[in-house]
Each structure stands twice: as C-alpha cells, then as structure tokens.
Amino acid sequence: MLKLAVFDVDGTLVDSQGDILASMEAAFGSVGLDVPTRSQILSIVGLSLPLAMARLVPDATDAQRDQMVESYKDAYADLRRKGGHAPLYPGIGDLLTRLGGHDNLLLGIATGKSRRGLDALLDGLGLPVRFVTTQVADDHPSKPHPSMLLTALRESGVEAKDAVMIGDTTYDIEMAQAAGMHSIGVAWGYHSQEKLSGSNLLAKDATGLEQAIYEILGEFT
C-alpha cells in the first residue's frame, strides 16, 4: 500500500527567511511603502504572494499589490542568482534520503512558491530524492485551501488516510485538515508551536520528524 508524505518548503525544508525579508523590502520599496516588521512578514509565509500582500497592506490598490508581487519575485530570483540557494535545516537532507529509500513511500511538495522559484531551489539543492508531485501557488488557490493536497493525492494515487502533510505554519495544518489528511507541525519554522496545536504531532528536529512520520503512516518497505 502506497503512502505519501507532502512537505512545505519555506520554514520546513529550507531556512529562507533572510531572502524572504530582503525580497519584501524590495517589494515595498518599489511602491514607496514602509516595510512591515519581521514578525509580520514571517506570519504570512506559506500564503500565495497576492494573498500575502493583501494581508500585509489591505489598503493598497490592486496596481500597487501587483507591482509588489512582481518586485518580490524579481528580487528573490536575483538573490538566487547572486547567492545560491537557502540552506536546508539540520538533518533534513539525510532525512529525505532515508525516506526516499522506501519503496512504498512517495514524497511530495505543497508550497506557496511559484514554479520558477521551486524549480530553481530544487535544482540548487540537488536533493538525492524524487518528489512525485510538486504543487505550487501558480496552479492553486492559496493555502489553506486544500486544492494542492487534493491534487497531490490524485497524482500519487494515495488515499487521504495514508498521507501526511508536514509544515511549519497554521496554513499547512488547516490545509491538511480540509483535505482529510494527517498533519505534522515542525517547531523550527516561522509559526510558534502554540499555533501548530491543531497538528496530529509536533516535531522538534529532523529525528523527531522521522519518528512522527513512521508513527502516523506506519512501517515502510
């Protein structure tokens, strides 16, 4: 029986907050608005960019928000070209390698990144695993809408009861609940542990995450 583990990216697999903060500074500067605080910016990580901008500046015009989205994307891509990729969190590379060695465990991604951003990140990381399904903001409503996970389930041929969503924000947990999937919150990301209380389990490091995946999905071959 196939199982599926779906990962968020920013704040879960990679620590990209430095790039996110710098790109937001460029986005707000492009329309002459004051940059929000670090905590305000990190609170919207995981949402699609249009929704994130709407949350951060609800009084901005549509034209301003469109400009901010494009400026953010350009700044983020420029940072990738100049500085390489955001680093994996400790132990994540080895964890993915071990998980990828199971014949009946499939791996997937559900992220608020664009396809361009995700492809560039995965190319830069050179991970020794294959993600059989990768869902991005270009193709779906923003988290916590379950569209990403429902599509991941269809593409992988796995039932919701045999799948788990792993993420660092309330948006990931609520998305999993809406899709009828289990969820694991990770304590090293951008939302507090208290906000992740709706998850089935909470992992404090990569070793704990591996144990949580086994606990929820069972044994693998």
N, C-alpha and C. Protein backbone atom coordinates (compact mmCIF):
# COMPACT_ATOMS: atom_id res chain seq x y z
N MET A 1 0.84 -1.19 0.00
CA MET A 1 0.00 0.00 0.00
C MET A 1 0.89 1.25 0.00
N LEU A 2 0.62 2.14 -0.94
CA LEU A 2 1.43 3.35 -1.05
C LEU A 2 1.04 4.36 0.03
N LYS A 3 2.05 5.06 0.53
CA LYS A 3 1.87 6.17 1.48
C LYS A 3 2.48 7.42 0.85
N LEU A 4 2.05 8.58 1.34
CA LEU A 4 2.52 9.85 0.77
C LEU A 4 2.85 10.82 1.90
N ALA A 5 4.05 11.39 1.85
CA ALA A 5 4.45 12.46 2.76
C ALA A 5 4.66 13.73 1.94
N VAL A 6 3.89 14.76 2.23
CA VAL A 6 3.96 16.02 1.48
C VAL A 6 4.61 17.08 2.37
N PHE A 7 5.60 17.77 1.83
CA PHE A 7 6.35 18.77 2.59
C PHE A 7 6.08 20.18 2.10
N ASP A 8 5.89 21.08 3.04
CA ASP A 8 6.03 22.51 2.76
C ASP A 8 7.52 22.77 2.51
N VAL A 9 7.85 23.96 2.01
CA VAL A 9 9.25 24.25 1.70
C VAL A 9 9.84 25.29 2.66
N ASP A 10 9.42 26.55 2.51
CA ASP A 10 9.98 27.63 3.33
C ASP A 10 9.60 27.45 4.79
N GLY A 11 10.61 27.36 5.65
CA GLY A 11 10.36 27.17 7.06
C GLY A 11 10.22 25.72 7.47
N THR A 12 10.21 24.82 6.50
CA THR A 12 10.09 23.38 6.78
C THR A 12 11.31 22.62 6.26
N LEU A 13 11.58 22.74 4.98
CA LEU A 13 12.78 22.12 4.41
C LEU A 13 13.97 23.07 4.43
N VAL A 14 13.73 24.32 4.08
CA VAL A 14 14.83 25.29 3.98
C VAL A 14 14.54 26.52 4.84
N ASP A 15 15.63 27.13 5.34
CA ASP A 15 15.52 28.36 6.11
C ASP A 15 15.74 29.54 5.17
N SER A 16 14.66 30.05 4.63
CA SER A 16 14.73 31.09 3.61
C SER A 16 14.31 32.45 4.12
N GLN A 17 14.24 32.64 5.44
CA GLN A 17 13.71 33.88 5.96
C GLN A 17 14.54 35.09 5.56
N GLY A 18 15.86 34.95 5.46
CA GLY A 18 16.69 36.07 5.05
C GLY A 18 16.32 36.57 3.66
N ASP A 19 16.13 35.64 2.74
CA ASP A 19 15.75 36.01 1.38
C ASP A 19 14.34 36.57 1.33
N ILE A 20 13.44 36.01 2.13
CA ILE A 20 12.06 36.50 2.16
C ILE A 20 12.01 37.93 2.66
N LEU A 21 12.73 38.22 3.74
CA LEU A 21 12.74 39.57 4.30
C LEU A 21 13.34 40.58 3.33
N ALA A 22 14.44 40.19 2.67
CA ALA A 22 15.08 41.09 1.72
C ALA A 22 14.18 41.34 0.51
N SER A 23 13.49 40.30 0.05
CA SER A 23 12.61 40.45 -1.10
C SER A 23 11.39 41.31 -0.76
N MET A 24 10.89 41.17 0.46
CA MET A 24 9.78 42.01 0.89
C MET A 24 10.20 43.47 0.98
N GLU A 25 11.42 43.71 1.43
CA GLU A 25 11.93 45.08 1.49
C GLU A 25 11.96 45.69 0.09
N ALA A 26 12.40 44.91 -0.90
CA ALA A 26 12.41 45.39 -2.28
C ALA A 26 11.00 45.62 -2.80
N ALA A 27 10.08 44.72 -2.45
CA ALA A 27 8.70 44.84 -2.92
C ALA A 27 8.03 46.10 -2.38
N PHE A 28 8.19 46.36 -1.10
CA PHE A 28 7.57 47.55 -0.50
C PHE A 28 8.26 48.81 -0.99
N GLY A 29 9.58 48.74 -1.16
CA GLY A 29 10.29 49.90 -1.68
C GLY A 29 9.87 50.28 -3.09
N SER A 30 9.44 49.29 -3.87
CA SER A 30 9.07 49.57 -5.27
C SER A 30 7.81 50.43 -5.38
N VAL A 31 7.02 50.48 -4.30
CA VAL A 31 5.80 51.32 -4.32
C VAL A 31 5.85 52.39 -3.23
N GLY A 32 7.01 52.54 -2.60
CA GLY A 32 7.18 53.61 -1.63
C GLY A 32 6.44 53.42 -0.33
N LEU A 33 6.23 52.17 0.10
CA LEU A 33 5.53 51.90 1.36
C LEU A 33 6.52 51.42 2.41
N ASP A 34 6.18 51.67 3.68
CA ASP A 34 7.02 51.21 4.78
C ASP A 34 7.00 49.69 4.86
N VAL A 35 8.15 49.12 5.14
CA VAL A 35 8.28 47.66 5.23
C VAL A 35 7.71 47.18 6.56
N PRO A 36 6.89 46.13 6.55
CA PRO A 36 6.37 45.57 7.81
C PRO A 36 7.50 45.02 8.67
N THR A 37 7.17 44.70 9.90
CA THR A 37 8.16 44.11 10.81
C THR A 37 8.47 42.67 10.39
N ARG A 38 9.57 42.18 10.93
CA ARG A 38 9.96 40.79 10.64
C ARG A 38 8.86 39.83 11.03
N SER A 39 8.28 40.00 12.20
CA SER A 39 7.24 39.08 12.66
C SER A 39 6.00 39.15 11.78
N GLN A 40 5.67 40.34 11.31
CA GLN A 40 4.52 40.47 10.40
C GLN A 40 4.78 39.74 9.08
N ILE A 41 5.98 39.87 8.56
CA ILE A 41 6.30 39.22 7.29
C ILE A 41 6.31 37.70 7.45
N LEU A 42 6.95 37.21 8.49
CA LEU A 42 7.04 35.75 8.68
C LEU A 42 5.67 35.14 8.97
N SER A 43 4.75 35.94 9.47
CA SER A 43 3.41 35.41 9.77
C SER A 43 2.64 35.02 8.51
N ILE A 44 3.03 35.59 7.35
CA ILE A 44 2.29 35.29 6.11
C ILE A 44 3.04 34.32 5.20
N VAL A 45 4.21 33.85 5.65
CA VAL A 45 4.95 32.87 4.83
C VAL A 45 4.10 31.61 4.67
N GLY A 46 3.98 31.15 3.44
CA GLY A 46 3.14 30.00 3.14
C GLY A 46 1.94 30.37 2.30
N LEU A 47 1.49 31.61 2.43
CA LEU A 47 0.40 32.08 1.59
C LEU A 47 0.93 32.39 0.20
N SER A 48 0.06 32.37 -0.80
CA SER A 48 0.45 32.83 -2.12
C SER A 48 0.78 34.31 -2.04
N LEU A 49 1.65 34.80 -2.91
CA LEU A 49 2.08 36.19 -2.83
C LEU A 49 0.94 37.21 -2.90
N PRO A 50 -0.03 37.06 -3.82
CA PRO A 50 -1.12 38.05 -3.85
C PRO A 50 -1.88 38.13 -2.53
N LEU A 51 -2.15 36.97 -1.93
CA LEU A 51 -2.87 36.97 -0.66
C LEU A 51 -1.98 37.51 0.45
N ALA A 52 -0.69 37.17 0.41
CA ALA A 52 0.23 37.68 1.43
C ALA A 52 0.28 39.20 1.40
N MET A 53 0.38 39.77 0.20
CA MET A 53 0.42 41.23 0.09
C MET A 53 -0.89 41.85 0.55
N ALA A 54 -1.99 41.21 0.24
CA ALA A 54 -3.28 41.72 0.68
C ALA A 54 -3.39 41.72 2.20
N ARG A 55 -2.82 40.70 2.85
CA ARG A 55 -2.83 40.64 4.31
C ARG A 55 -1.94 41.73 4.91
N LEU A 56 -0.79 41.95 4.28
CA LEU A 56 0.17 42.90 4.83
C LEU A 56 -0.24 44.35 4.60
N VAL A 57 -0.84 44.63 3.44
CA VAL A 57 -1.25 46.01 3.11
C VAL A 57 -2.67 46.00 2.56
N PRO A 58 -3.66 45.81 3.41
CA PRO A 58 -5.04 45.72 2.95
C PRO A 58 -5.56 46.99 2.27
N ASP A 59 -4.93 48.13 2.54
CA ASP A 59 -5.40 49.39 1.96
C ASP A 59 -4.71 49.73 0.64
N ALA A 60 -3.76 48.92 0.21
CA ALA A 60 -3.07 49.19 -1.05
C ALA A 60 -4.00 48.96 -2.23
N THR A 61 -3.71 49.62 -3.32
CA THR A 61 -4.50 49.43 -4.54
C THR A 61 -4.10 48.12 -5.20
N ASP A 62 -4.96 47.65 -6.10
CA ASP A 62 -4.62 46.43 -6.84
C ASP A 62 -3.34 46.61 -7.64
N ALA A 63 -3.16 47.80 -8.22
CA ALA A 63 -1.95 48.07 -9.01
C ALA A 63 -0.71 48.02 -8.12
N GLN A 64 -0.81 48.58 -6.93
CA GLN A 64 0.33 48.54 -6.01
C GLN A 64 0.68 47.10 -5.62
N ARG A 65 -0.34 46.31 -5.30
CA ARG A 65 -0.07 44.93 -4.90
C ARG A 65 0.50 44.12 -6.06
N ASP A 66 -0.01 44.34 -7.26
CA ASP A 66 0.56 43.65 -8.43
C ASP A 66 2.03 44.00 -8.60
N GLN A 67 2.36 45.29 -8.44
CA GLN A 67 3.74 45.72 -8.56
C GLN A 67 4.61 45.09 -7.48
N MET A 68 4.07 44.99 -6.28
CA MET A 68 4.82 44.40 -5.17
C MET A 68 5.10 42.92 -5.41
N VAL A 69 4.11 42.21 -5.93
CA VAL A 69 4.29 40.79 -6.23
C VAL A 69 5.41 40.60 -7.25
N GLU A 70 5.38 41.37 -8.32
CA GLU A 70 6.40 41.22 -9.35
C GLU A 70 7.77 41.63 -8.84
N SER A 71 7.83 42.70 -8.05
CA SER A 71 9.12 43.13 -7.49
C SER A 71 9.68 42.09 -6.54
N TYR A 72 8.80 41.47 -5.75
CA TYR A 72 9.24 40.41 -4.84
C TYR A 72 9.84 39.25 -5.64
N LYS A 73 9.13 38.81 -6.67
CA LYS A 73 9.62 37.68 -7.47
C LYS A 73 10.98 37.99 -8.10
N ASP A 74 11.10 39.21 -8.64
CA ASP A 74 12.36 39.59 -9.29
C ASP A 74 13.50 39.65 -8.28
N ALA A 75 13.21 40.22 -7.09
CA ALA A 75 14.25 40.33 -6.07
C ALA A 75 14.67 38.96 -5.57
N TYR A 76 13.70 38.07 -5.39
CA TYR A 76 14.01 36.72 -4.91
C TYR A 76 14.86 35.97 -5.93
N ALA A 77 14.48 36.08 -7.20
CA ALA A 77 15.25 35.41 -8.26
C ALA A 77 16.67 35.97 -8.35
N ASP A 78 16.80 37.28 -8.16
CA ASP A 78 18.12 37.90 -8.20
C ASP A 78 19.00 37.41 -7.05
N LEU A 79 18.40 37.27 -5.88
CA LEU A 79 19.15 36.73 -4.75
C LEU A 79 19.63 35.30 -5.02
N ARG A 80 18.79 34.52 -5.68
CA ARG A 80 19.17 33.15 -6.02
C ARG A 80 20.37 33.15 -6.97
N ARG A 81 20.34 34.05 -7.94
CA ARG A 81 21.43 34.10 -8.91
C ARG A 81 22.74 34.53 -8.24
N LYS A 82 22.64 35.45 -7.30
CA LYS A 82 23.84 36.02 -6.68
C LYS A 82 24.37 35.18 -5.52
N GLY A 83 23.46 34.61 -4.75
CA GLY A 83 23.89 33.99 -3.50
C GLY A 83 23.62 32.52 -3.37
N GLY A 84 23.11 31.86 -4.39
CA GLY A 84 22.81 30.44 -4.28
C GLY A 84 21.48 30.22 -3.60
N HIS A 85 21.30 29.02 -3.07
CA HIS A 85 20.00 28.63 -2.51
C HIS A 85 19.99 28.75 -1.00
N ALA A 86 18.80 28.88 -0.44
CA ALA A 86 18.65 28.88 1.02
C ALA A 86 19.06 27.52 1.57
N PRO A 87 19.61 27.48 2.78
CA PRO A 87 20.13 26.21 3.32
C PRO A 87 19.02 25.31 3.85
N LEU A 88 19.23 24.01 3.71
CA LEU A 88 18.36 23.05 4.37
C LEU A 88 18.52 23.17 5.88
N TYR A 89 17.45 22.89 6.60
CA TYR A 89 17.55 22.82 8.05
C TYR A 89 18.39 21.60 8.44
N PRO A 90 19.00 21.61 9.61
CA PRO A 90 19.85 20.49 10.04
C PRO A 90 19.12 19.15 9.99
N GLY A 91 19.77 18.18 9.37
CA GLY A 91 19.24 16.82 9.32
C GLY A 91 18.23 16.55 8.23
N ILE A 92 17.76 17.59 7.54
CA ILE A 92 16.69 17.39 6.56
C ILE A 92 17.19 16.62 5.34
N GLY A 93 18.38 16.92 4.86
CA GLY A 93 18.90 16.21 3.69
C GLY A 93 19.00 14.72 3.95
N ASP A 94 19.56 14.34 5.08
CA ASP A 94 19.68 12.92 5.42
C ASP A 94 18.31 12.28 5.62
N LEU A 95 17.39 13.03 6.22
CA LEU A 95 16.04 12.51 6.42
C LEU A 95 15.37 12.20 5.09
N LEU A 96 15.45 13.12 4.14
CA LEU A 96 14.83 12.90 2.84
C LEU A 96 15.47 11.70 2.13
N THR A 97 16.77 11.55 2.29
CA THR A 97 17.46 10.41 1.68
C THR A 97 16.92 9.10 2.25
N ARG A 98 16.75 9.04 3.56
CA ARG A 98 16.24 7.81 4.18
C ARG A 98 14.79 7.56 3.76
N LEU A 99 13.97 8.59 3.76
CA LEU A 99 12.58 8.41 3.37
C LEU A 99 12.47 7.97 1.91
N GLY A 100 13.34 8.52 1.07
CA GLY A 100 13.31 8.17 -0.35
C GLY A 100 13.73 6.74 -0.62
N GLY A 101 14.31 6.07 0.37
CA GLY A 101 14.73 4.70 0.18
C GLY A 101 13.63 3.67 0.39
N HIS A 102 12.44 4.11 0.79
CA HIS A 102 11.33 3.19 1.00
C HIS A 102 10.52 3.05 -0.30
N ASP A 103 10.28 1.82 -0.71
CA ASP A 103 9.60 1.58 -1.98
C ASP A 103 8.14 2.04 -1.96
N ASN A 104 7.49 1.97 -0.81
CA ASN A 104 6.06 2.28 -0.78
C ASN A 104 5.76 3.64 -0.16
N LEU A 105 6.79 4.49 0.01
CA LEU A 105 6.59 5.85 0.50
C LEU A 105 6.92 6.85 -0.60
N LEU A 106 5.93 7.60 -1.01
CA LEU A 106 6.12 8.64 -2.02
C LEU A 106 6.29 9.99 -1.32
N LEU A 107 7.05 10.87 -1.94
CA LEU A 107 7.31 12.20 -1.39
C LEU A 107 6.74 13.27 -2.31
N GLY A 108 6.19 14.31 -1.70
CA GLY A 108 5.63 15.41 -2.48
C GLY A 108 5.90 16.75 -1.84
N ILE A 109 5.54 17.81 -2.55
CA ILE A 109 5.73 19.19 -2.08
C ILE A 109 4.45 19.96 -2.31
N ALA A 110 4.09 20.79 -1.34
CA ALA A 110 2.99 21.75 -1.48
C ALA A 110 3.48 23.07 -0.92
N THR A 111 3.70 24.06 -1.77
CA THR A 111 4.36 25.28 -1.36
C THR A 111 3.69 26.52 -1.94
N GLY A 112 3.83 27.63 -1.21
CA GLY A 112 3.36 28.90 -1.72
C GLY A 112 4.31 29.52 -2.73
N LYS A 113 5.43 28.86 -3.01
CA LYS A 113 6.35 29.34 -4.03
C LYS A 113 5.76 29.23 -5.43
N SER A 114 6.31 29.99 -6.34
CA SER A 114 5.98 29.83 -7.75
C SER A 114 6.71 28.61 -8.31
N ARG A 115 6.30 28.17 -9.49
CA ARG A 115 7.01 27.06 -10.15
C ARG A 115 8.45 27.46 -10.43
N ARG A 116 8.66 28.67 -10.86
CA ARG A 116 10.02 29.13 -11.15
C ARG A 116 10.88 29.08 -9.89
N GLY A 117 10.31 29.55 -8.78
CA GLY A 117 11.07 29.57 -7.54
C GLY A 117 11.38 28.18 -7.02
N LEU A 118 10.39 27.29 -7.08
CA LEU A 118 10.61 25.93 -6.59
C LEU A 118 11.62 25.19 -7.45
N ASP A 119 11.48 25.28 -8.77
CA ASP A 119 12.42 24.58 -9.65
C ASP A 119 13.85 25.05 -9.42
N ALA A 120 14.01 26.37 -9.26
CA ALA A 120 15.36 26.90 -9.03
C ALA A 120 15.92 26.40 -7.71
N LEU A 121 15.09 26.34 -6.69
CA LEU A 121 15.55 25.85 -5.39
C LEU A 121 15.95 24.38 -5.46
N LEU A 122 15.09 23.54 -6.04
CA LEU A 122 15.39 22.11 -6.10
C LEU A 122 16.62 21.84 -6.95
N ASP A 123 16.79 22.59 -8.04
CA ASP A 123 17.98 22.44 -8.87
C ASP A 123 19.23 22.79 -8.07
N GLY A 124 19.14 23.85 -7.27
CA GLY A 124 20.29 24.29 -6.50
C GLY A 124 20.64 23.35 -5.37
N LEU A 125 19.63 22.76 -4.75
CA LEU A 125 19.87 21.85 -3.64
C LEU A 125 20.42 20.50 -4.09
N GLY A 126 19.98 20.06 -5.27
CA GLY A 126 20.45 18.77 -5.78
C GLY A 126 20.12 17.61 -4.87
N LEU A 127 18.89 17.58 -4.36
CA LEU A 127 18.50 16.53 -3.41
C LEU A 127 18.50 15.16 -4.08
N PRO A 128 18.94 14.13 -3.36
CA PRO A 128 19.01 12.78 -3.92
C PRO A 128 17.69 12.03 -3.82
N VAL A 129 16.58 12.73 -3.93
CA VAL A 129 15.26 12.10 -3.88
C VAL A 129 14.40 12.68 -4.99
N ARG A 130 13.37 11.92 -5.33
CA ARG A 130 12.43 12.38 -6.35
C ARG A 130 11.09 12.69 -5.69
N PHE A 131 10.61 13.91 -5.91
CA PHE A 131 9.27 14.27 -5.45
C PHE A 131 8.30 13.94 -6.58
N VAL A 132 7.38 13.02 -6.31
CA VAL A 132 6.49 12.54 -7.37
C VAL A 132 5.39 13.55 -7.68
N THR A 133 5.14 14.48 -6.78
CA THR A 133 4.13 15.51 -7.02
C THR A 133 4.60 16.80 -6.38
N THR A 134 4.58 17.89 -7.14
CA THR A 134 5.02 19.20 -6.63
C THR A 134 3.94 20.23 -6.96
N GLN A 135 3.29 20.73 -5.93
CA GLN A 135 2.19 21.68 -6.10
C GLN A 135 2.65 23.07 -5.70
N VAL A 136 2.39 24.06 -6.57
CA VAL A 136 2.87 25.42 -6.34
C VAL A 136 1.72 26.42 -6.45
N ALA A 137 2.02 27.65 -6.03
CA ALA A 137 1.00 28.68 -5.96
C ALA A 137 0.46 29.07 -7.33
N ASP A 138 1.25 28.86 -8.38
CA ASP A 138 0.79 29.23 -9.73
C ASP A 138 -0.48 28.51 -10.13
N ASP A 139 -0.70 27.32 -9.60
CA ASP A 139 -1.75 26.44 -10.10
C ASP A 139 -2.93 26.25 -9.17
N HIS A 140 -2.91 26.90 -8.00
CA HIS A 140 -3.93 26.62 -6.99
C HIS A 140 -4.33 27.87 -6.23
N PRO A 141 -5.50 27.84 -5.58
CA PRO A 141 -5.80 28.87 -4.58
C PRO A 141 -4.76 28.78 -3.45
N SER A 142 -4.60 29.87 -2.73
CA SER A 142 -3.62 29.90 -1.66
C SER A 142 -3.98 28.92 -0.54
N LYS A 143 -2.96 28.41 0.14
CA LYS A 143 -3.20 27.73 1.40
C LYS A 143 -4.01 28.67 2.29
N PRO A 144 -4.91 28.18 3.12
CA PRO A 144 -5.15 26.78 3.49
C PRO A 144 -6.20 26.05 2.64
N HIS A 145 -6.54 26.59 1.47
CA HIS A 145 -7.44 25.84 0.57
C HIS A 145 -6.80 24.48 0.27
N PRO A 146 -7.58 23.40 0.24
CA PRO A 146 -6.99 22.06 0.10
C PRO A 146 -6.61 21.66 -1.31
N SER A 147 -6.75 22.54 -2.29
CA SER A 147 -6.53 22.17 -3.69
C SER A 147 -5.17 21.52 -3.93
N MET A 148 -4.11 22.08 -3.33
CA MET A 148 -2.78 21.50 -3.53
C MET A 148 -2.73 20.04 -3.09
N LEU A 149 -3.26 19.77 -1.91
CA LEU A 149 -3.18 18.41 -1.37
C LEU A 149 -4.12 17.46 -2.10
N LEU A 150 -5.29 17.92 -2.48
CA LEU A 150 -6.20 17.05 -3.22
C LEU A 150 -5.59 16.65 -4.57
N THR A 151 -4.90 17.59 -5.20
CA THR A 151 -4.22 17.28 -6.46
C THR A 151 -3.06 16.33 -6.23
N ALA A 152 -2.31 16.54 -5.14
CA ALA A 152 -1.19 15.64 -4.83
C ALA A 152 -1.69 14.23 -4.60
N LEU A 153 -2.82 14.08 -3.94
CA LEU A 153 -3.39 12.76 -3.71
C LEU A 153 -3.78 12.10 -5.03
N ARG A 154 -4.40 12.86 -5.91
CA ARG A 154 -4.80 12.31 -7.21
C ARG A 154 -3.58 11.89 -8.03
N GLU A 155 -2.58 12.75 -8.06
CA GLU A 155 -1.41 12.46 -8.88
C GLU A 155 -0.62 11.25 -8.36
N SER A 156 -0.63 11.05 -7.07
CA SER A 156 0.14 9.95 -6.49
C SER A 156 -0.67 8.67 -6.35
N GLY A 157 -1.99 8.77 -6.45
CA GLY A 157 -2.84 7.60 -6.30
C GLY A 157 -2.94 7.11 -4.87
N VAL A 158 -2.75 8.01 -3.91
CA VAL A 158 -2.79 7.66 -2.49
C VAL A 158 -4.05 8.25 -1.86
N GLU A 159 -4.66 7.49 -0.95
CA GLU A 159 -5.83 7.99 -0.25
C GLU A 159 -5.42 8.92 0.90
N ALA A 160 -6.33 9.82 1.26
CA ALA A 160 -6.02 10.82 2.28
C ALA A 160 -5.60 10.18 3.60
N LYS A 161 -6.20 9.06 3.95
CA LYS A 161 -5.90 8.41 5.23
C LYS A 161 -4.47 7.86 5.26
N ASP A 162 -3.85 7.71 4.11
CA ASP A 162 -2.50 7.17 4.02
C ASP A 162 -1.48 8.25 3.68
N ALA A 163 -1.84 9.50 3.96
CA ALA A 163 -0.97 10.62 3.61
C ALA A 163 -0.83 11.58 4.78
N VAL A 164 0.28 12.31 4.79
CA VAL A 164 0.53 13.29 5.85
C VAL A 164 1.12 14.55 5.24
N MET A 165 0.70 15.70 5.76
CA MET A 165 1.25 17.00 5.37
C MET A 165 2.18 17.47 6.47
N ILE A 166 3.36 17.93 6.08
CA ILE A 166 4.38 18.38 7.03
C ILE A 166 4.67 19.85 6.77
N GLY A 167 4.46 20.69 7.78
CA GLY A 167 4.68 22.11 7.58
C GLY A 167 4.90 22.87 8.86
N ASP A 168 5.26 24.15 8.71
CA ASP A 168 5.61 24.96 9.87
C ASP A 168 4.59 26.05 10.18
N THR A 169 3.49 26.11 9.44
CA THR A 169 2.52 27.18 9.67
C THR A 169 1.11 26.64 9.86
N THR A 170 0.28 27.48 10.42
CA THR A 170 -1.13 27.12 10.59
C THR A 170 -1.79 26.86 9.25
N TYR A 171 -1.31 27.52 8.19
CA TYR A 171 -1.90 27.33 6.87
C TYR A 171 -1.70 25.89 6.40
N ASP A 172 -0.54 25.31 6.71
CA ASP A 172 -0.28 23.92 6.34
C ASP A 172 -1.20 22.97 7.10
N ILE A 173 -1.36 23.23 8.39
CA ILE A 173 -2.19 22.36 9.23
C ILE A 173 -3.65 22.45 8.81
N GLU A 174 -4.14 23.66 8.58
CA GLU A 174 -5.53 23.84 8.17
C GLU A 174 -5.78 23.25 6.78
N MET A 175 -4.80 23.34 5.90
CA MET A 175 -4.93 22.75 4.57
C MET A 175 -5.06 21.23 4.67
N ALA A 176 -4.25 20.61 5.52
CA ALA A 176 -4.33 19.17 5.71
C ALA A 176 -5.69 18.77 6.27
N GLN A 177 -6.18 19.51 7.25
CA GLN A 177 -7.48 19.21 7.83
C GLN A 177 -8.58 19.29 6.76
N ALA A 178 -8.50 20.30 5.91
CA ALA A 178 -9.51 20.48 4.87
C ALA A 178 -9.47 19.36 3.84
N ALA A 179 -8.28 18.77 3.65
CA ALA A 179 -8.12 17.67 2.68
C ALA A 179 -8.36 16.30 3.31
N GLY A 180 -8.62 16.25 4.61
CA GLY A 180 -8.82 14.98 5.29
C GLY A 180 -7.55 14.21 5.55
N MET A 181 -6.41 14.92 5.60
CA MET A 181 -5.12 14.28 5.79
C MET A 181 -4.61 14.50 7.21
N HIS A 182 -3.67 13.63 7.62
CA HIS A 182 -2.93 13.85 8.85
C HIS A 182 -1.97 15.03 8.65
N SER A 183 -1.48 15.57 9.77
CA SER A 183 -0.51 16.66 9.66
C SER A 183 0.52 16.56 10.78
N ILE A 184 1.72 17.02 10.45
CA ILE A 184 2.81 17.14 11.42
C ILE A 184 3.32 18.57 11.37
N GLY A 185 3.33 19.24 12.51
CA GLY A 185 3.92 20.57 12.58
C GLY A 185 5.39 20.47 12.95
N VAL A 186 6.20 21.36 12.38
CA VAL A 186 7.62 21.39 12.73
C VAL A 186 7.92 22.65 13.52
N ALA A 187 8.65 22.49 14.61
CA ALA A 187 8.82 23.58 15.57
C ALA A 187 9.91 24.57 15.18
N TRP A 188 10.66 24.30 14.09
CA TRP A 188 11.79 25.15 13.75
C TRP A 188 11.43 26.22 12.71
N GLY A 189 10.18 26.32 12.33
CA GLY A 189 9.80 27.24 11.26
C GLY A 189 9.34 28.60 11.73
N TYR A 190 8.35 29.16 11.01
CA TYR A 190 8.01 30.57 11.16
C TYR A 190 6.76 30.85 11.99
N HIS A 191 6.01 29.83 12.37
CA HIS A 191 4.90 30.00 13.29
C HIS A 191 5.24 29.32 14.61
N SER A 192 4.73 29.85 15.70
CA SER A 192 5.05 29.33 17.02
C SER A 192 4.46 27.93 17.22
N GLN A 193 5.01 27.20 18.18
CA GLN A 193 4.50 25.87 18.49
C GLN A 193 3.04 25.93 18.92
N GLU A 194 2.67 27.00 19.63
CA GLU A 194 1.29 27.13 20.08
C GLU A 194 0.32 27.19 18.90
N LYS A 195 0.73 27.85 17.83
CA LYS A 195 -0.13 27.97 16.67
C LYS A 195 -0.27 26.65 15.91
N LEU A 196 0.62 25.71 16.17
CA LEU A 196 0.59 24.43 15.48
C LEU A 196 -0.12 23.36 16.29
N SER A 197 -0.87 23.78 17.29
CA SER A 197 -1.52 22.82 18.18
C SER A 197 -2.57 21.96 17.48
N GLY A 198 -3.04 22.39 16.32
CA GLY A 198 -4.03 21.60 15.59
C GLY A 198 -3.46 20.44 14.82
N SER A 199 -2.12 20.32 14.78
CA SER A 199 -1.49 19.20 14.06
C SER A 199 -1.64 17.92 14.86
N ASN A 200 -1.55 16.78 14.17
CA ASN A 200 -1.62 15.49 14.86
C ASN A 200 -0.40 15.26 15.75
N LEU A 201 0.77 15.68 15.25
CA LEU A 201 2.01 15.55 16.03
C LEU A 201 2.87 16.77 15.77
N LEU A 202 3.77 17.06 16.70
CA LEU A 202 4.71 18.17 16.56
C LEU A 202 6.12 17.63 16.65
N ALA A 203 6.97 17.97 15.67
CA ALA A 203 8.36 17.51 15.65
C ALA A 203 9.28 18.67 15.97
N LYS A 204 10.27 18.42 16.84
CA LYS A 204 11.19 19.47 17.24
C LYS A 204 12.53 19.42 16.53
N ASP A 205 12.80 18.33 15.81
CA ASP A 205 14.01 18.23 15.00
C ASP A 205 13.77 17.16 13.94
N ALA A 206 14.77 16.97 13.06
CA ALA A 206 14.61 16.04 11.94
C ALA A 206 14.40 14.61 12.43
N THR A 207 15.07 14.23 13.51
CA THR A 207 14.88 12.88 14.06
C THR A 207 13.46 12.69 14.55
N GLY A 208 12.94 13.69 15.24
CA GLY A 208 11.57 13.64 15.71
C GLY A 208 10.57 13.62 14.58
N LEU A 209 10.89 14.32 13.50
CA LEU A 209 10.01 14.32 12.34
C LEU A 209 9.94 12.93 11.70
N GLU A 210 11.08 12.28 11.58
CA GLU A 210 11.09 10.93 11.02
C GLU A 210 10.25 9.98 11.87
N GLN A 211 10.40 10.06 13.16
CA GLN A 211 9.62 9.21 14.06
C GLN A 211 8.13 9.51 13.94
N ALA A 212 7.78 10.79 13.79
CA ALA A 212 6.38 11.17 13.67
C ALA A 212 5.77 10.63 12.38
N ILE A 213 6.54 10.68 11.29
CA ILE A 213 6.06 10.15 10.01
C ILE A 213 5.78 8.65 10.14
N TYR A 214 6.70 7.92 10.77
CA TYR A 214 6.52 6.49 10.96
C TYR A 214 5.32 6.21 11.85
N GLU A 215 5.14 7.03 12.86
CA GLU A 215 4.03 6.82 13.79
C GLU A 215 2.69 7.00 13.09
N ILE A 216 2.61 7.97 12.21
CA ILE A 216 1.33 8.25 11.53
C ILE A 216 1.09 7.30 10.36
N LEU A 217 2.11 7.05 9.56
CA LEU A 217 1.92 6.27 8.34
C LEU A 217 2.25 4.79 8.50
N GLY A 218 2.90 4.40 9.58
CA GLY A 218 3.21 3.00 9.79
C GLY A 218 4.55 2.61 9.22
N GLU A 219 4.78 1.31 9.11
CA GLU A 219 6.05 0.78 8.62
C GLU A 219 6.12 0.86 7.10
N PHE A 220 7.35 0.95 6.59
CA PHE A 220 7.57 1.02 5.14
C PHE A 220 8.46 -0.13 4.70
N THR A 221 8.38 -0.44 3.41
CA THR A 221 9.24 -1.48 2.84
C THR A 221 10.38 -0.85 2.08
